[in-house]
C-alpha cells in the first residue's frame, strides 16, 4: 500500500472556533472552509485551516453522542485523525482491513463541480484513527457536498510547506506491538531507532516511514525503570496514548520562528553551550550558528544531509500537544543528536509543571 502523504490531521476540540483562532493568530494558518449542520454534517462544527500545503481540520461535537465530545472529555483537545492520501481509497481500505485494521467507515464518494473525493476510516493506535483519502479533479474542494469552502485570496509569504511527521507516545510495553501493527497494516518500515537518555530519564524511540516515503511517524515509549519524565507526563495528562506533536516543514525555519514569535507563539529555549561545539560535531552548516543560537534552533545531520528543528511551547490547557518546525537540507530521517536535545528542551519547559519531588533533572 502506497501512502503518498499526510492529507490532513483532524483535531477534536472543545471549541473549534477558539482553536482555529489560536492556530491562525499564532501560526499563520487561514480558515479555508467550514462544515456543520448547515452544510450537511449534523452533530458537529468543523473548520478547515491551512498554511502552505498543511491542512488542519478542527472539529467540535455539538452533542454527547458525537465522537469528538467523548474524545475531548477524556483527552482534552488533541489529534484524533491522521488522514493518509492514497491513489485508491477502496483498495487501501480493503488491504488494511485484510491486514488487521478495524473498519470504522466504509468507502464513501463525495462529488461536486468536477472534484471527487473518496474517504474511508480504519483504526490506528489508542483513540487515533486513520482516514484514507483519494482525490481527483481540480482540487478546489476539501470534501465536496459537506464543506463550504471560503472565497479567500491566496496568502502571501507563507512559512509552512507541509506536514513533515507526527510523534506518538505510547505506554511502556506498547511500542513494539504498535510498530508491528503499522508495519503489517499499512506497510510502514523502520528507518531509525534510538534509546535516548537525558539525565535520569530515558525513552525508547522508533521512526517508521511509509513505502512511498510520504508519511513518517516517530513512536516513543518511556523507560519506566528510570525517573519519570515528559513521556509519562503526556500519557498521564492526555489520558493514554496519543499524538504528542506534529512537525511542520519550512524552507526558512529562522524566518518562521521570527514570524510566529511576533504573533505570540513561544518556542523551547536551548542553552548557549549547545552551540559551542556545533561546528566540531557537524562540520560546515549552511545556516550561520548565530542565526540558530539567537532563536534556539537545533541542527543535526543524517546520511543525506542537514536538518534544523525547534519545538513550540504547548498552547493546550493540559500542556500535552505541541507543534514542531523542521527545515531539511537533504536530510531524509533524523540525526542522533537532536532527539535528546529536543527532549531536554521540552523537559526544561515541563519540569515546572510537576511536583518538586519529581523534578530532579
Protein backbone atom coordinates (compact mmCIF):
# COMPACT_ATOMS: atom_id res chain seq x y z
CA UNK A 1 0.00 0.00 0.00
CA UNK A 2 1.40 3.39 -1.01
CA UNK A 3 0.63 6.17 1.48
CA UNK A 4 1.53 9.23 -0.58
CA UNK A 5 1.40 11.93 2.10
CA UNK A 6 -0.46 13.18 5.15
CA UNK A 7 -3.59 14.64 3.58
CA UNK A 8 -4.62 16.41 6.80
CA UNK A 9 -4.79 16.00 10.55
CA UNK A 10 -8.03 16.45 12.45
CA UNK A 11 -8.16 17.80 15.99
CA UNK A 12 -11.15 17.16 18.18
CA UNK A 13 -11.58 20.32 20.23
CA UNK A 14 -13.92 21.62 22.90
CA UNK A 15 -14.37 24.81 20.85
CA UNK A 16 -13.30 24.51 17.21
CA UNK A 17 -13.68 28.23 16.60
CA UNK A 18 -11.42 29.14 19.52
CA UNK A 19 -8.88 26.51 18.49
CA UNK A 20 -8.87 27.90 14.95
CA UNK A 21 -8.41 31.43 16.31
CA UNK A 22 -5.27 30.35 18.21
CA UNK A 23 -3.86 28.40 15.26
CA UNK A 24 -4.47 31.23 12.82
CA UNK A 25 -3.19 34.03 15.04
CA UNK A 26 -0.15 32.23 16.48
CA UNK A 27 0.98 30.17 13.48
CA UNK A 28 -0.40 32.00 10.47
CA UNK A 29 -2.98 29.43 9.36
CA UNK A 30 -6.06 30.62 7.43
CA UNK A 31 -9.64 29.37 7.57
CA UNK A 32 -10.26 27.66 4.23
CA UNK A 33 -13.73 26.23 4.80
CA UNK A 34 -16.37 25.18 7.31
CA UNK A 35 -18.89 22.40 7.87
CA UNK A 36 -21.74 21.64 10.22
CA UNK A 37 -25.49 21.05 10.29
CA UNK A 38 -25.99 23.81 7.73
CA UNK A 39 -23.70 22.06 5.23
CA UNK A 40 -24.93 18.52 5.77
CA UNK A 41 -22.79 17.34 8.69
CA UNK A 42 -25.17 17.11 11.65
CA UNK A 43 -23.89 16.94 15.21
CA UNK A 44 -20.61 18.75 14.65
CA UNK A 45 -18.97 22.05 13.80
CA UNK A 46 -15.73 21.91 11.78
CA UNK A 47 -13.30 24.50 10.48
CA UNK A 48 -10.67 23.65 7.87
CA UNK A 49 -7.46 25.64 8.24
CA UNK A 50 -4.36 25.68 6.08
CA UNK A 51 -0.87 27.08 5.84
CA UNK A 52 1.07 26.31 2.69
CA UNK A 53 0.38 22.66 1.93
CA UNK A 54 -0.51 21.75 5.54
CA UNK A 55 -4.18 21.16 6.29
CA UNK A 56 -5.54 21.04 9.85
CA UNK A 57 -9.22 20.26 10.48
CA UNK A 58 -10.73 21.35 13.81
CA UNK A 59 -13.96 19.63 14.91
CA UNK A 60 -16.24 20.04 17.92
CA UNK A 61 -19.15 17.79 18.77
CA UNK A 62 -22.49 19.55 19.24
CA UNK A 63 -23.95 16.82 21.45
CA UNK A 64 -22.94 13.98 23.76
CA UNK A 65 -23.12 11.31 21.04
CA UNK A 66 -20.53 12.79 18.68
CA UNK A 67 -17.10 11.08 18.91
CA UNK A 68 -15.40 14.45 19.42
CA UNK A 69 -17.35 15.06 22.62
CA UNK A 70 -16.14 11.87 24.30
CA UNK A 71 -12.61 12.33 22.99
CA UNK A 72 -12.31 15.84 24.44
CA UNK A 73 -13.78 14.71 27.77
CA UNK A 74 -11.10 12.02 28.03
CA UNK A 75 -8.07 13.67 26.39
CA UNK A 76 -8.75 17.37 26.03
CA UNK A 77 -8.11 18.92 22.61
CA UNK A 78 -5.90 16.65 20.52
CA UNK A 79 -5.23 14.89 17.25
CA UNK A 80 -7.93 12.28 16.67
CA UNK A 81 -7.47 11.61 12.95
CA UNK A 82 -4.37 11.43 10.75
CA UNK A 83 -5.51 11.20 7.13
CA UNK A 84 -3.43 9.41 4.50
CA UNK A 85 -3.52 10.49 0.85
CA UNK A 86 -3.79 7.37 -1.33
CA UNK A 87 -4.29 6.60 -5.01
CA UNK A 88 -7.26 4.28 -4.40
CA UNK A 89 -9.13 4.60 -1.09
CA UNK A 90 -11.23 1.48 -1.62
CA UNK A 91 -8.21 -0.69 -2.36
CA UNK A 92 -6.30 0.80 0.58
CA UNK A 93 -9.28 0.19 2.87
CA UNK A 94 -9.63 -3.44 1.77
CA UNK A 95 -5.89 -4.09 2.11
CA UNK A 96 -5.59 -2.54 5.57
CA UNK A 97 -8.65 -4.37 6.89
CA UNK A 98 -7.37 -7.65 5.46
CA UNK A 99 -4.08 -6.99 7.27
CA UNK A 100 -5.75 -6.45 10.64
CA UNK A 101 -7.14 -2.91 10.82
CA UNK A 102 -10.64 -2.45 12.23
CA UNK A 103 -13.03 -0.99 9.64
CA UNK A 104 -14.69 2.15 11.02
CA UNK A 105 -16.21 3.71 7.89
CA UNK A 106 -16.71 2.03 4.54
CA UNK A 107 -15.51 3.94 1.45
CA UNK A 108 -17.75 6.88 0.53
CA UNK A 109 -17.57 9.08 -2.56
CA UNK A 110 -18.18 12.84 -2.42
CA UNK A 111 -18.52 14.78 -5.69
CA UNK A 112 -19.18 18.35 -6.76
CA UNK A 113 -18.08 20.61 -9.62
CA UNK A 114 -15.56 18.13 -11.01
CA UNK A 115 -13.94 17.27 -7.68
CA UNK A 116 -14.27 13.70 -6.46
CA UNK A 117 -13.07 12.64 -3.01
CA UNK A 118 -13.35 9.08 -1.69
CA UNK A 119 -12.81 8.54 2.03
CA UNK A 120 -12.74 5.56 4.37
CA UNK A 121 -11.67 5.19 8.00
CA UNK A 122 -9.75 2.43 9.79
CA UNK A 123 -8.27 2.01 13.24
CA UNK A 124 -4.87 3.36 14.27
CA UNK A 125 -3.49 3.33 17.81
CA UNK A 126 -5.19 4.33 21.04
CA UNK A 127 -8.08 6.63 20.15
CA UNK A 128 -6.38 7.87 16.95
CA UNK A 129 -7.81 6.65 13.65
CA UNK A 130 -6.74 6.97 10.03
CA UNK A 131 -8.79 8.40 7.20
CA UNK A 132 -7.86 7.15 3.73
CA UNK A 133 -8.36 9.94 1.19
CA UNK A 134 -8.40 9.64 -2.61
CA UNK A 135 -8.63 12.93 -4.55
CA UNK A 136 -9.30 13.55 -8.25
CA UNK A 137 -10.33 16.70 -10.08
CA UNK A 138 -9.21 20.33 -9.86
CA UNK A 139 -8.78 20.23 -6.07
CA UNK A 140 -10.92 23.20 -5.15
CA UNK A 141 -12.95 21.16 -2.66
CA UNK A 142 -11.89 19.54 0.62
CA UNK A 143 -14.96 17.31 1.00
CA UNK A 144 -17.46 18.05 -1.78
CA UNK A 145 -21.02 18.47 -0.59
CA UNK A 146 -20.09 18.59 3.09
CA UNK A 147 -17.68 21.53 3.38
CA UNK A 148 -18.31 25.04 2.18
CA UNK A 149 -15.02 26.49 1.03
CA UNK A 150 -14.09 30.08 1.85
CA UNK A 151 -13.68 32.53 -1.01
CA UNK A 152 -10.31 33.86 0.13
CA UNK A 153 -7.34 35.02 -1.98
CA UNK A 154 -4.09 33.03 -1.73
CA UNK A 155 -1.90 34.07 1.16
CA UNK A 156 1.47 35.69 0.56
CA UNK A 157 4.68 34.85 2.38
CA UNK A 158 3.54 31.57 3.93
CA UNK A 159 6.19 29.96 6.13
CA UNK A 160 4.94 26.35 6.14
CA UNK A 161 5.33 23.92 3.26
CA UNK A 162 3.66 20.70 4.50
CA UNK A 163 3.25 18.26 7.39
CA UNK A 164 6.63 16.54 7.83
CA UNK A 165 5.93 13.93 10.53
CA UNK A 166 4.00 13.18 13.71
CA UNK A 167 5.15 11.74 17.04
CA UNK A 168 3.17 9.18 19.05
CA UNK A 169 3.54 8.50 22.78
CA UNK A 170 2.56 5.00 23.91
CA UNK A 171 2.74 3.32 27.36
CA UNK A 172 5.64 1.15 28.41
CA UNK A 173 5.45 -2.18 26.61
CA UNK A 174 3.27 -0.87 23.77
CA UNK A 175 6.00 0.33 21.40
CA UNK A 176 6.82 -2.98 19.73
CA UNK A 177 3.14 -4.02 19.28
CA UNK A 178 2.34 -0.59 17.81
CA UNK A 179 5.28 -0.80 15.41
CA UNK A 180 4.22 -4.30 14.34
CA UNK A 181 0.67 -3.10 13.73
CA UNK A 182 1.75 -0.23 11.46
CA UNK A 183 4.19 -2.45 9.57
CA UNK A 184 1.61 -5.17 8.98
CA UNK A 185 -1.44 -2.99 8.39
CA UNK A 186 -0.06 -0.05 6.39
CA UNK A 187 3.31 -1.23 5.15
CA UNK A 188 5.49 1.10 7.22
CA UNK A 189 9.15 0.21 7.71
CA UNK A 190 11.55 1.24 10.50
CA UNK A 191 14.18 3.76 9.36
CA UNK A 192 15.67 4.83 12.70
CA UNK A 193 15.83 3.50 16.25
CA UNK A 194 17.34 5.05 19.37
CA UNK A 195 17.44 4.74 23.14
CA UNK A 196 17.50 8.32 24.45
CA UNK A 197 18.95 9.17 27.86
CA UNK A 198 18.60 12.67 29.32
CA UNK A 199 19.80 12.95 32.90
CA UNK A 200 17.98 10.29 34.93
CA UNK A 201 15.24 9.87 32.33
CA UNK A 202 15.15 7.68 29.24
CA UNK A 203 12.87 6.63 26.40
CA UNK A 204 12.77 4.18 23.52
CA UNK A 205 12.14 5.64 20.07
CA UNK A 206 11.47 4.12 16.64
CA UNK A 207 10.84 6.02 13.42
CA UNK A 208 8.64 4.43 10.76
CA UNK A 209 8.14 5.59 7.19
CA UNK A 210 5.63 4.55 4.53
CA UNK A 211 6.89 2.64 1.49
CA UNK A 212 6.45 5.71 -0.74
CA UNK A 213 8.29 7.86 1.80
CA UNK A 214 5.44 10.34 2.16
CA UNK A 215 4.40 9.59 5.75
CA UNK A 216 6.74 9.45 8.74
CA UNK A 217 5.88 8.64 12.35
CA UNK A 218 8.08 8.75 15.44
CA UNK A 219 6.89 6.33 18.12
CA UNK A 220 8.05 6.76 21.71
CA UNK A 221 7.61 4.85 24.97
CA UNK A 222 9.09 5.71 28.37
CA UNK A 223 11.68 3.58 30.15
CA UNK A 224 9.83 3.09 33.43
CA UNK A 225 12.97 1.80 35.14
CA UNK A 226 14.28 5.36 35.04
CA UNK A 227 12.98 8.59 36.56
CA UNK A 228 9.56 9.76 35.43
CA UNK A 229 9.72 12.29 32.57
CA UNK A 230 7.78 14.08 29.88
CA UNK A 231 6.52 10.94 28.09
CA UNK A 232 5.00 9.74 31.37
CA UNK A 233 3.55 13.24 31.81
CA UNK A 234 1.94 13.14 28.38
CA UNK A 235 0.39 9.72 28.98
CA UNK A 236 -0.99 10.89 32.33
CA UNK A 237 -2.20 14.35 31.28
CA UNK A 238 -3.57 13.15 27.93
CA UNK A 239 -5.26 10.14 29.48
CA UNK A 240 -3.48 7.45 27.48
CA UNK A 241 -1.56 7.11 24.21
CA UNK A 242 -1.81 9.84 21.63
CA UNK A 243 -0.11 12.28 19.27
CA UNK A 244 2.42 14.36 21.18
CA UNK A 245 3.45 16.66 18.33
CA UNK A 246 3.12 17.33 14.63
CA UNK A 247 6.06 18.77 12.68
CA UNK A 248 5.55 21.42 10.01
CA UNK A 249 8.19 21.63 7.31
CA UNK A 250 9.51 25.02 6.26
CA UNK A 251 12.10 26.39 3.85
CA UNK A 252 13.13 29.16 6.30
CA UNK A 253 12.99 28.00 9.90
CA UNK A 254 14.59 31.15 11.30
CA UNK A 255 12.09 33.34 9.47
CA UNK A 256 9.22 31.12 10.60
CA UNK A 257 10.34 31.33 14.24
CA UNK A 258 10.54 35.12 13.95
CA UNK A 259 7.13 35.38 12.31
CA UNK A 260 5.37 33.05 14.76
CA UNK A 261 7.10 34.61 17.77
CA UNK A 262 5.86 38.02 16.65
CA UNK A 263 2.34 36.55 16.58
CA UNK A 264 2.64 35.30 20.18
CA UNK A 265 3.85 31.71 19.75
CA UNK A 266 6.61 30.57 22.13
CA UNK A 267 9.49 28.19 21.49
CA UNK A 268 11.54 25.93 23.77
CA UNK A 269 14.87 27.61 24.67
CA UNK A 270 18.23 25.95 24.11
CA UNK A 271 21.28 26.58 26.36
CA UNK A 272 24.08 28.56 24.72
CA UNK A 273 26.55 25.72 25.43
CA UNK A 274 24.75 23.61 22.80
CA UNK A 275 26.18 25.83 20.06
CA UNK A 276 29.79 25.91 21.27
CA UNK A 277 30.66 22.53 19.75
CA UNK A 278 28.16 22.59 16.88
CA UNK A 279 30.74 23.14 14.15
CA UNK A 280 33.06 20.45 15.52
CA UNK A 281 30.18 17.98 15.77
CA UNK A 282 28.53 18.60 12.40
CA UNK A 283 31.20 20.20 10.24
CA UNK A 284 30.17 23.03 7.91
CA UNK A 285 26.50 24.00 8.14
CA UNK A 286 24.56 26.28 5.82
CA UNK A 287 22.77 28.48 8.37
CA UNK A 288 25.02 30.75 10.47
CA UNK A 289 25.38 29.50 14.04
CA UNK A 290 24.44 32.89 15.47
CA UNK A 291 21.18 32.81 13.48
CA UNK A 292 20.39 29.50 15.14
CA UNK A 293 21.61 30.45 18.62
CA UNK A 294 19.52 33.61 18.89
CA UNK A 295 16.36 31.62 18.21
CA UNK A 296 17.16 28.33 19.97
CA UNK A 297 17.10 26.30 16.74
CA UNK A 298 18.86 22.91 16.79
CA UNK A 299 20.97 21.49 13.96
CA UNK A 300 21.83 17.91 13.04
CA UNK A 301 22.54 15.68 10.05
CA UNK A 302 21.84 12.20 8.76
CA UNK A 303 23.47 10.26 5.89
CA UNK A 304 21.82 12.51 3.28
CA UNK A 305 22.15 16.00 4.66
CA UNK A 306 21.34 18.59 7.32
CA UNK A 307 18.18 19.38 9.28
CA UNK A 308 17.14 22.18 11.63
CA UNK A 309 14.43 21.74 14.29
CA UNK A 310 12.68 23.53 17.14
CA UNK A 311 9.69 22.75 19.38
CA UNK A 312 6.99 25.31 20.04
CA UNK A 313 5.74 25.56 23.60
CA UNK A 314 2.38 23.92 24.17
CA UNK A 315 -0.69 26.15 23.93
CA UNK A 316 -3.04 23.47 25.27
CA UNK A 317 -4.50 23.63 28.75
CA UNK A 318 -3.21 20.13 29.59
CA UNK A 319 0.25 21.00 28.24
CA UNK A 320 0.19 17.92 26.04
CA UNK A 321 0.21 18.57 22.27
CA UNK A 322 2.70 20.98 20.67
CA UNK A 323 3.99 21.89 17.20
CA UNK A 324 7.47 21.42 15.78
CA UNK A 325 9.17 23.27 12.92
CA UNK A 326 11.71 21.46 10.75
CA UNK A 327 13.79 22.58 7.78
CA UNK A 328 15.53 19.85 5.80
CA UNK A 329 18.59 20.43 3.64
CA UNK A 330 18.80 16.96 2.10
CA UNK A 331 18.13 15.04 5.33
CA UNK A 332 15.53 12.30 4.98
CA UNK A 333 15.41 10.92 8.53
CA UNK A 334 16.59 12.27 11.91
CA UNK A 335 20.00 12.87 13.44
CA UNK A 336 21.30 11.20 16.57
CA UNK A 337 21.95 14.42 18.49
CA UNK A 338 18.75 16.40 18.04
CA UNK A 339 16.42 13.84 19.59
CA UNK A 340 17.97 14.04 23.08
CA UNK A 341 18.46 17.80 22.67
CA UNK A 342 14.80 18.29 21.74
CA UNK A 343 13.75 16.01 24.60
CA UNK A 344 15.87 18.05 27.02
CA UNK A 345 14.41 21.33 25.72
CA UNK A 346 10.88 20.07 26.27
CA UNK A 347 11.83 18.66 29.68
CA UNK A 348 13.01 22.08 30.83
CA UNK A 349 9.63 23.52 29.83
CA UNK A 350 7.55 20.83 31.55
CA UNK A 351 9.59 20.35 34.72
CA UNK A 352 7.88 23.26 36.46
CA UNK A 353 4.51 21.57 35.92
CA UNK A 354 5.41 18.69 38.23
CA UNK A 355 5.67 18.36 41.96
CA UNK A 356 9.19 19.47 43.01
CA UNK A 357 9.95 15.94 44.22
CA UNK A 358 9.63 14.74 40.64
CA UNK A 359 11.88 17.33 39.00
CA UNK A 360 15.35 16.13 39.93
CA UNK A 361 16.76 16.69 36.45
